[in-house]
Amino acid sequence: MKGKIILAVVLTALVAVLLFQNKEIVTFKIYFWTVGISQVILVPVMVLAGILIGYLLGTARRERE
């Protein structure tokens, strides 16, 4: 359990450093739309999406077994 807490703290620190270093606007295209969004918003959204997908896949795997 202590290892998970240490891992969570380290990952949180890495994401915080990433946020402070990337404040620029990122422009990307989604089909016909061009979207410009700050990396400070984009990175946490993608991190949370990854956590949610990992949790859902882990839960689905446990339910099948």
C-alpha atoms as a PDB file:
ATOM      1  CA  MET A   1       0.000   0.000   0.000  1.00  0.00           C
ATOM      2  CA  LYS A   2       2.844   2.389   0.796  1.00  0.00           C
ATOM      3  CA  GLY A   3       4.310   1.835  -2.668  1.00  0.00           C
ATOM      4  CA  LYS A   4       1.056   2.945  -4.307  1.00  0.00           C
ATOM      5  CA  ILE A   5       1.037   6.148  -2.282  1.00  0.00           C
ATOM      6  CA  ILE A   6       4.626   6.914  -3.250  1.00  0.00           C
ATOM      7  CA  LEU A   7       3.832   6.205  -6.907  1.00  0.00           C
ATOM      8  CA  ALA A   8       0.779   8.490  -6.768  1.00  0.00           C
ATOM      9  CA  VAL A   9       2.825  11.317  -5.222  1.00  0.00           C
ATOM     10  CA  VAL A  10       5.587  10.955  -7.821  1.00  0.00           C
ATOM     11  CA  LEU A  11       3.115  10.895 -10.720  1.00  0.00           C
ATOM     12  CA  THR A  12       1.274  13.920  -9.312  1.00  0.00           C
ATOM     13  CA  ALA A  13       4.561  15.827  -9.023  1.00  0.00           C
ATOM     14  CA  LEU A  14       5.490  14.929 -12.615  1.00  0.00           C
ATOM     15  CA  VAL A  15       2.118  16.126 -13.915  1.00  0.00           C
ATOM     16  CA  ALA A  16       2.468  19.370 -11.918  1.00  0.00           C
ATOM     17  CA  VAL A  17       5.907  20.021 -13.440  1.00  0.00           C
ATOM     18  CA  LEU A  18       4.516  19.241 -16.887  1.00  0.00           C
ATOM     19  CA  LEU A  19       1.702  21.755 -16.369  1.00  0.00           C
ATOM     20  CA  PHE A  20       3.987  24.551 -15.215  1.00  0.00           C
ATOM     21  CA  GLN A  21       6.295  24.085 -18.195  1.00  0.00           C
ATOM     22  CA  ASN A  22       3.589  23.902 -20.883  1.00  0.00           C
ATOM     23  CA  LYS A  23       1.396  26.974 -20.914  1.00  0.00           C
ATOM     24  CA  GLU A  24       1.191  27.476 -24.687  1.00  0.00           C
ATOM     25  CA  ILE A  25      -1.911  27.206 -26.823  1.00  0.00           C
ATOM     26  CA  VAL A  26      -2.159  23.963 -28.810  1.00  0.00           C
ATOM     27  CA  THR A  27      -4.092  23.937 -32.066  1.00  0.00           C
ATOM     28  CA  PHE A  28      -5.378  20.704 -33.529  1.00  0.00           C
ATOM     29  CA  LYS A  29      -7.972  19.685 -36.089  1.00  0.00           C
ATOM     30  CA  ILE A  30     -10.944  17.430 -35.525  1.00  0.00           C
ATOM     31  CA  TYR A  31     -12.434  16.750 -38.951  1.00  0.00           C
ATOM     32  CA  PHE A  32     -13.646  20.206 -40.036  1.00  0.00           C
ATOM     33  CA  TRP A  33     -13.071  22.057 -36.765  1.00  0.00           C
ATOM     34  CA  THR A  34      -9.874  23.711 -35.652  1.00  0.00           C
ATOM     35  CA  VAL A  35      -9.598  23.751 -31.875  1.00  0.00           C
ATOM     36  CA  GLY A  36      -7.150  25.843 -29.882  1.00  0.00           C
ATOM     37  CA  ILE A  37      -6.785  24.968 -26.213  1.00  0.00           C
ATOM     38  CA  SER A  38      -4.209  25.694 -23.529  1.00  0.00           C
ATOM     39  CA  GLN A  39      -1.981  22.799 -22.538  1.00  0.00           C
ATOM     40  CA  VAL A  40      -2.712  23.642 -18.903  1.00  0.00           C
ATOM     41  CA  ILE A  41      -6.290  22.489 -19.561  1.00  0.00           C
ATOM     42  CA  LEU A  42      -5.550  19.751 -22.089  1.00  0.00           C
ATOM     43  CA  VAL A  43      -2.991  17.761 -20.057  1.00  0.00           C
ATOM     44  CA  PRO A  44      -5.143  17.258 -16.911  1.00  0.00           C
ATOM     45  CA  VAL A  45      -8.150  16.335 -19.054  1.00  0.00           C
ATOM     46  CA  MET A  46      -6.110  13.683 -20.866  1.00  0.00           C
ATOM     47  CA  VAL A  47      -4.613  12.389 -17.599  1.00  0.00           C
ATOM     48  CA  LEU A  48      -8.090  12.049 -16.080  1.00  0.00           C
ATOM     49  CA  ALA A  49      -9.363  10.371 -19.257  1.00  0.00           C
ATOM     50  CA  GLY A  50      -6.502   7.853 -19.055  1.00  0.00           C
ATOM     51  CA  ILE A  51      -7.211   7.141 -15.399  1.00  0.00           C
ATOM     52  CA  LEU A  52     -10.917   6.681 -16.118  1.00  0.00           C
ATOM     53  CA  ILE A  53     -10.269   4.350 -19.070  1.00  0.00           C
ATOM     54  CA  GLY A  54      -7.810   2.291 -17.017  1.00  0.00           C
ATOM     55  CA  TYR A  55     -10.280   2.013 -14.154  1.00  0.00           C
ATOM     56  CA  LEU A  56     -13.143   0.995 -16.438  1.00  0.00           C
ATOM     57  CA  LEU A  57     -11.032  -1.613 -18.233  1.00  0.00           C
ATOM     58  CA  GLY A  58      -9.815  -3.031 -14.907  1.00  0.00           C
ATOM     59  CA  THR A  59     -13.373  -3.196 -13.588  1.00  0.00           C
ATOM     60  CA  ALA A  60     -14.620  -4.895 -16.780  1.00  0.00           C
ATOM     61  CA  ARG A  61     -11.831  -7.477 -16.591  1.00  0.00           C
ATOM     62  CA  ARG A  62     -12.663  -8.331 -12.960  1.00  0.00           C
ATOM     63  CA  GLU A  63     -16.347  -8.752 -13.803  1.00  0.00           C
ATOM     64  CA  ARG A  64     -15.565 -11.258 -16.594  1.00  0.00           C
ATOM     65  CA  GLU A  65     -13.482 -13.493 -14.321  1.00  0.00           C
END
